[in-house]
Amino acid sequence: MADEEKKEAAPAAAPAPAAGETKKLNWVLTLILSILLGQIGVDRFMMGQIGLGILKLLTAGGCGIWWIVDVILIAMKKDFPGVEWVE
């Protein structure tokens, strides 16, 4: 009596965007999070720039200078690589 058990596959994690794809981010949400949590790199993590996010986290937003520059760039809707701003 060999009953075959059906094994259900675990749900797959969401695939990471390919190198050529863009990540769609809400501009207002990103700007607010950059103002509030930009000194710890949250904005860069959201944009998929993990290395820069870690660097910004370790340097406290480049002693505040990098944080201010990023707030200005996001407020002006600068084109970041791999990021598409949506309303």
N, C-alpha and C. Protein backbone atom coordinates (compact mmCIF):
# COMPACT_ATOMS: atom_id res chain seq x y z
N MET A 1 0.82 -1.18 0.00
CA MET A 1 0.00 0.00 0.00
C MET A 1 0.86 1.24 0.00
N ALA A 2 1.17 1.62 -1.11
CA ALA A 2 2.02 2.80 -1.22
C ALA A 2 1.19 3.95 -1.75
N ASP A 3 0.80 4.79 -0.84
CA ASP A 3 0.07 5.99 -1.24
C ASP A 3 1.08 7.09 -1.54
N GLU A 4 0.92 7.65 -2.72
CA GLU A 4 1.81 8.74 -3.07
C GLU A 4 1.28 10.03 -2.48
N GLU A 5 2.13 10.66 -1.74
CA GLU A 5 1.75 11.93 -1.15
C GLU A 5 2.03 13.05 -2.12
N LYS A 6 1.07 13.92 -2.21
CA LYS A 6 1.26 15.08 -3.07
C LYS A 6 1.93 16.17 -2.27
N LYS A 7 3.03 16.56 -2.74
CA LYS A 7 3.76 17.64 -2.07
C LYS A 7 3.44 18.95 -2.78
N GLU A 8 2.95 19.88 -1.99
CA GLU A 8 2.67 21.18 -2.56
C GLU A 8 3.93 22.03 -2.53
N ALA A 9 4.18 22.66 -3.63
CA ALA A 9 5.36 23.52 -3.71
C ALA A 9 5.11 24.79 -2.91
N ALA A 10 6.13 25.23 -2.24
CA ALA A 10 6.03 26.48 -1.48
C ALA A 10 5.89 27.63 -2.47
N PRO A 11 5.12 28.65 -2.11
CA PRO A 11 4.99 29.78 -3.03
C PRO A 11 6.34 30.44 -3.28
N ALA A 12 6.56 30.75 -4.52
CA ALA A 12 7.84 31.36 -4.90
C ALA A 12 7.86 32.82 -4.48
N ALA A 13 9.03 33.28 -4.14
CA ALA A 13 9.21 34.68 -3.79
C ALA A 13 9.06 35.53 -5.05
N ALA A 14 8.68 36.76 -4.86
CA ALA A 14 8.54 37.66 -6.00
C ALA A 14 9.89 37.83 -6.68
N PRO A 15 9.92 37.67 -7.99
CA PRO A 15 11.20 37.79 -8.69
C PRO A 15 11.73 39.21 -8.64
N ALA A 16 13.03 39.30 -8.53
CA ALA A 16 13.68 40.61 -8.53
C ALA A 16 13.65 41.18 -9.94
N PRO A 17 13.53 42.48 -10.08
CA PRO A 17 13.52 43.06 -11.42
C PRO A 17 14.82 42.75 -12.15
N ALA A 18 14.70 42.46 -13.43
CA ALA A 18 15.88 42.17 -14.24
C ALA A 18 16.69 43.46 -14.40
N ALA A 19 17.89 43.30 -14.90
CA ALA A 19 18.81 44.43 -15.01
C ALA A 19 18.25 45.56 -15.87
N GLY A 20 17.49 45.23 -16.91
CA GLY A 20 16.98 46.26 -17.81
C GLY A 20 15.64 46.84 -17.39
N GLU A 21 15.01 46.27 -16.36
CA GLU A 21 13.68 46.73 -15.96
C GLU A 21 13.78 47.90 -14.99
N THR A 22 12.70 48.67 -14.94
CA THR A 22 12.66 49.80 -14.02
C THR A 22 11.72 49.49 -12.87
N LYS A 23 12.00 50.11 -11.75
CA LYS A 23 11.19 49.95 -10.55
C LYS A 23 10.29 51.16 -10.44
N LYS A 24 8.98 50.94 -10.34
CA LYS A 24 8.03 52.05 -10.26
C LYS A 24 7.85 52.43 -8.79
N LEU A 25 8.13 53.70 -8.48
CA LEU A 25 8.02 54.20 -7.12
C LEU A 25 7.09 55.41 -7.08
N ASN A 26 6.30 55.47 -6.02
CA ASN A 26 5.45 56.63 -5.80
C ASN A 26 6.35 57.78 -5.38
N TRP A 27 6.30 58.86 -6.14
CA TRP A 27 7.19 59.99 -5.91
C TRP A 27 6.95 60.65 -4.55
N VAL A 28 5.69 60.87 -4.18
CA VAL A 28 5.37 61.55 -2.93
C VAL A 28 5.80 60.70 -1.73
N LEU A 29 5.52 59.41 -1.77
CA LEU A 29 5.92 58.52 -0.68
C LEU A 29 7.44 58.48 -0.52
N THR A 30 8.14 58.41 -1.63
CA THR A 30 9.60 58.38 -1.58
C THR A 30 10.15 59.69 -1.02
N LEU A 31 9.55 60.81 -1.40
CA LEU A 31 10.00 62.11 -0.89
C LEU A 31 9.77 62.21 0.62
N ILE A 32 8.60 61.80 1.09
CA ILE A 32 8.30 61.86 2.53
C ILE A 32 9.24 60.95 3.31
N LEU A 33 9.46 59.73 2.82
CA LEU A 33 10.38 58.83 3.51
C LEU A 33 11.82 59.33 3.46
N SER A 34 12.17 60.01 2.37
CA SER A 34 13.52 60.56 2.29
C SER A 34 13.71 61.67 3.30
N ILE A 35 12.68 62.51 3.48
CA ILE A 35 12.77 63.59 4.46
C ILE A 35 12.85 63.02 5.88
N LEU A 36 12.01 62.03 6.18
CA LEU A 36 11.94 61.50 7.54
C LEU A 36 13.03 60.48 7.87
N LEU A 37 13.34 59.59 6.92
CA LEU A 37 14.27 58.50 7.20
C LEU A 37 15.45 58.44 6.24
N GLY A 38 15.68 59.52 5.51
CA GLY A 38 16.76 59.53 4.53
C GLY A 38 18.14 59.44 5.12
N GLN A 39 18.30 59.88 6.35
CA GLN A 39 19.63 59.82 6.96
C GLN A 39 20.07 58.39 7.25
N ILE A 40 19.14 57.45 7.26
CA ILE A 40 19.52 56.05 7.45
C ILE A 40 19.40 55.26 6.16
N GLY A 41 19.22 55.94 5.03
CA GLY A 41 19.30 55.31 3.72
C GLY A 41 18.04 54.65 3.21
N VAL A 42 16.90 54.89 3.83
CA VAL A 42 15.67 54.23 3.42
C VAL A 42 15.32 54.54 1.96
N ASP A 43 15.54 55.78 1.54
CA ASP A 43 15.22 56.15 0.16
C ASP A 43 16.05 55.36 -0.84
N ARG A 44 17.31 55.18 -0.55
CA ARG A 44 18.18 54.42 -1.47
C ARG A 44 17.81 52.93 -1.48
N PHE A 45 17.43 52.39 -0.32
CA PHE A 45 16.97 51.00 -0.29
C PHE A 45 15.71 50.84 -1.14
N MET A 46 14.80 51.80 -1.06
CA MET A 46 13.57 51.74 -1.86
C MET A 46 13.86 51.76 -3.36
N MET A 47 14.88 52.51 -3.75
CA MET A 47 15.22 52.62 -5.17
C MET A 47 16.03 51.41 -5.66
N GLY A 48 16.30 50.48 -4.77
CA GLY A 48 17.02 49.28 -5.16
C GLY A 48 18.53 49.44 -5.13
N GLN A 49 19.01 50.53 -4.57
CA GLN A 49 20.45 50.79 -4.50
C GLN A 49 20.93 50.39 -3.10
N ILE A 50 21.06 49.09 -2.90
CA ILE A 50 21.35 48.53 -1.58
C ILE A 50 22.72 48.99 -1.07
N GLY A 51 23.72 48.97 -1.92
CA GLY A 51 25.07 49.37 -1.51
C GLY A 51 25.12 50.81 -1.04
N LEU A 52 24.47 51.71 -1.80
CA LEU A 52 24.44 53.11 -1.40
C LEU A 52 23.59 53.30 -0.14
N GLY A 53 22.55 52.48 0.01
CA GLY A 53 21.73 52.56 1.22
C GLY A 53 22.52 52.20 2.47
N ILE A 54 23.34 51.15 2.36
CA ILE A 54 24.18 50.74 3.49
C ILE A 54 25.22 51.81 3.79
N LEU A 55 25.82 52.36 2.75
CA LEU A 55 26.82 53.42 2.94
C LEU A 55 26.19 54.65 3.59
N LYS A 56 25.01 55.01 3.15
CA LYS A 56 24.31 56.15 3.72
C LYS A 56 23.92 55.88 5.17
N LEU A 57 23.56 54.64 5.46
CA LEU A 57 23.23 54.25 6.83
C LEU A 57 24.44 54.37 7.74
N LEU A 58 25.59 53.90 7.28
CA LEU A 58 26.80 53.91 8.11
C LEU A 58 27.38 55.31 8.31
N THR A 59 27.10 56.22 7.37
CA THR A 59 27.65 57.57 7.47
C THR A 59 26.63 58.60 7.95
N ALA A 60 25.45 58.12 8.39
CA ALA A 60 24.36 59.00 8.83
C ALA A 60 24.02 60.02 7.75
N GLY A 61 23.82 59.51 6.55
CA GLY A 61 23.46 60.40 5.44
C GLY A 61 24.58 61.29 5.00
N GLY A 62 25.81 60.80 5.11
CA GLY A 62 26.97 61.63 4.73
C GLY A 62 27.05 62.85 5.62
N CYS A 63 26.83 62.64 6.92
CA CYS A 63 26.81 63.73 7.92
C CYS A 63 25.76 64.78 7.58
N GLY A 64 24.70 64.35 6.95
CA GLY A 64 23.59 65.24 6.64
C GLY A 64 23.64 65.86 5.26
N ILE A 65 24.81 65.92 4.67
CA ILE A 65 24.96 66.56 3.36
C ILE A 65 24.33 65.70 2.27
N TRP A 66 24.64 64.42 2.27
CA TRP A 66 24.11 63.49 1.27
C TRP A 66 22.59 63.42 1.40
N TRP A 67 22.10 63.47 2.64
CA TRP A 67 20.66 63.43 2.89
C TRP A 67 19.96 64.63 2.25
N ILE A 68 20.51 65.83 2.44
CA ILE A 68 19.90 67.04 1.87
C ILE A 68 19.94 66.99 0.35
N VAL A 69 21.05 66.53 -0.21
CA VAL A 69 21.17 66.43 -1.67
C VAL A 69 20.13 65.46 -2.21
N ASP A 70 19.95 64.31 -1.55
CA ASP A 70 18.95 63.34 -2.02
C ASP A 70 17.53 63.89 -1.91
N VAL A 71 17.22 64.62 -0.85
CA VAL A 71 15.89 65.22 -0.72
C VAL A 71 15.64 66.17 -1.88
N ILE A 72 16.62 66.98 -2.22
CA ILE A 72 16.48 67.93 -3.33
C ILE A 72 16.32 67.19 -4.66
N LEU A 73 17.14 66.16 -4.89
CA LEU A 73 17.06 65.41 -6.14
C LEU A 73 15.72 64.69 -6.29
N ILE A 74 15.22 64.11 -5.21
CA ILE A 74 13.93 63.43 -5.28
C ILE A 74 12.81 64.44 -5.46
N ALA A 75 12.89 65.59 -4.79
CA ALA A 75 11.87 66.63 -4.93
C ALA A 75 11.80 67.15 -6.37
N MET A 76 12.94 67.15 -7.06
CA MET A 76 12.98 67.60 -8.45
C MET A 76 12.69 66.47 -9.43
N LYS A 77 12.38 65.29 -8.93
CA LYS A 77 12.09 64.09 -9.74
C LYS A 77 13.23 63.76 -10.69
N LYS A 78 14.44 63.78 -10.16
CA LYS A 78 15.60 63.43 -10.97
C LYS A 78 15.48 61.98 -11.43
N ASP A 79 15.98 61.70 -12.63
CA ASP A 79 15.96 60.35 -13.15
C ASP A 79 17.09 59.53 -12.52
N PHE A 80 16.73 58.63 -11.61
CA PHE A 80 17.69 57.72 -11.03
C PHE A 80 17.71 56.46 -11.89
N PRO A 81 18.85 55.80 -12.02
CA PRO A 81 18.90 54.59 -12.85
C PRO A 81 18.00 53.50 -12.28
N GLY A 82 17.13 52.95 -13.14
CA GLY A 82 16.25 51.86 -12.73
C GLY A 82 15.03 52.28 -11.96
N VAL A 83 14.73 53.59 -11.92
CA VAL A 83 13.58 54.08 -11.16
C VAL A 83 12.67 54.88 -12.09
N GLU A 84 11.37 54.56 -12.02
CA GLU A 84 10.35 55.34 -12.75
C GLU A 84 9.42 55.94 -11.71
N TRP A 85 9.27 57.26 -11.73
CA TRP A 85 8.40 57.94 -10.77
C TRP A 85 6.96 57.86 -11.23
N VAL A 86 6.06 57.51 -10.32
CA VAL A 86 4.63 57.50 -10.60
C VAL A 86 3.92 58.37 -9.59
N GLU A 87 2.76 58.86 -9.94
CA GLU A 87 1.99 59.72 -9.04
C GLU A 87 1.14 58.91 -8.11
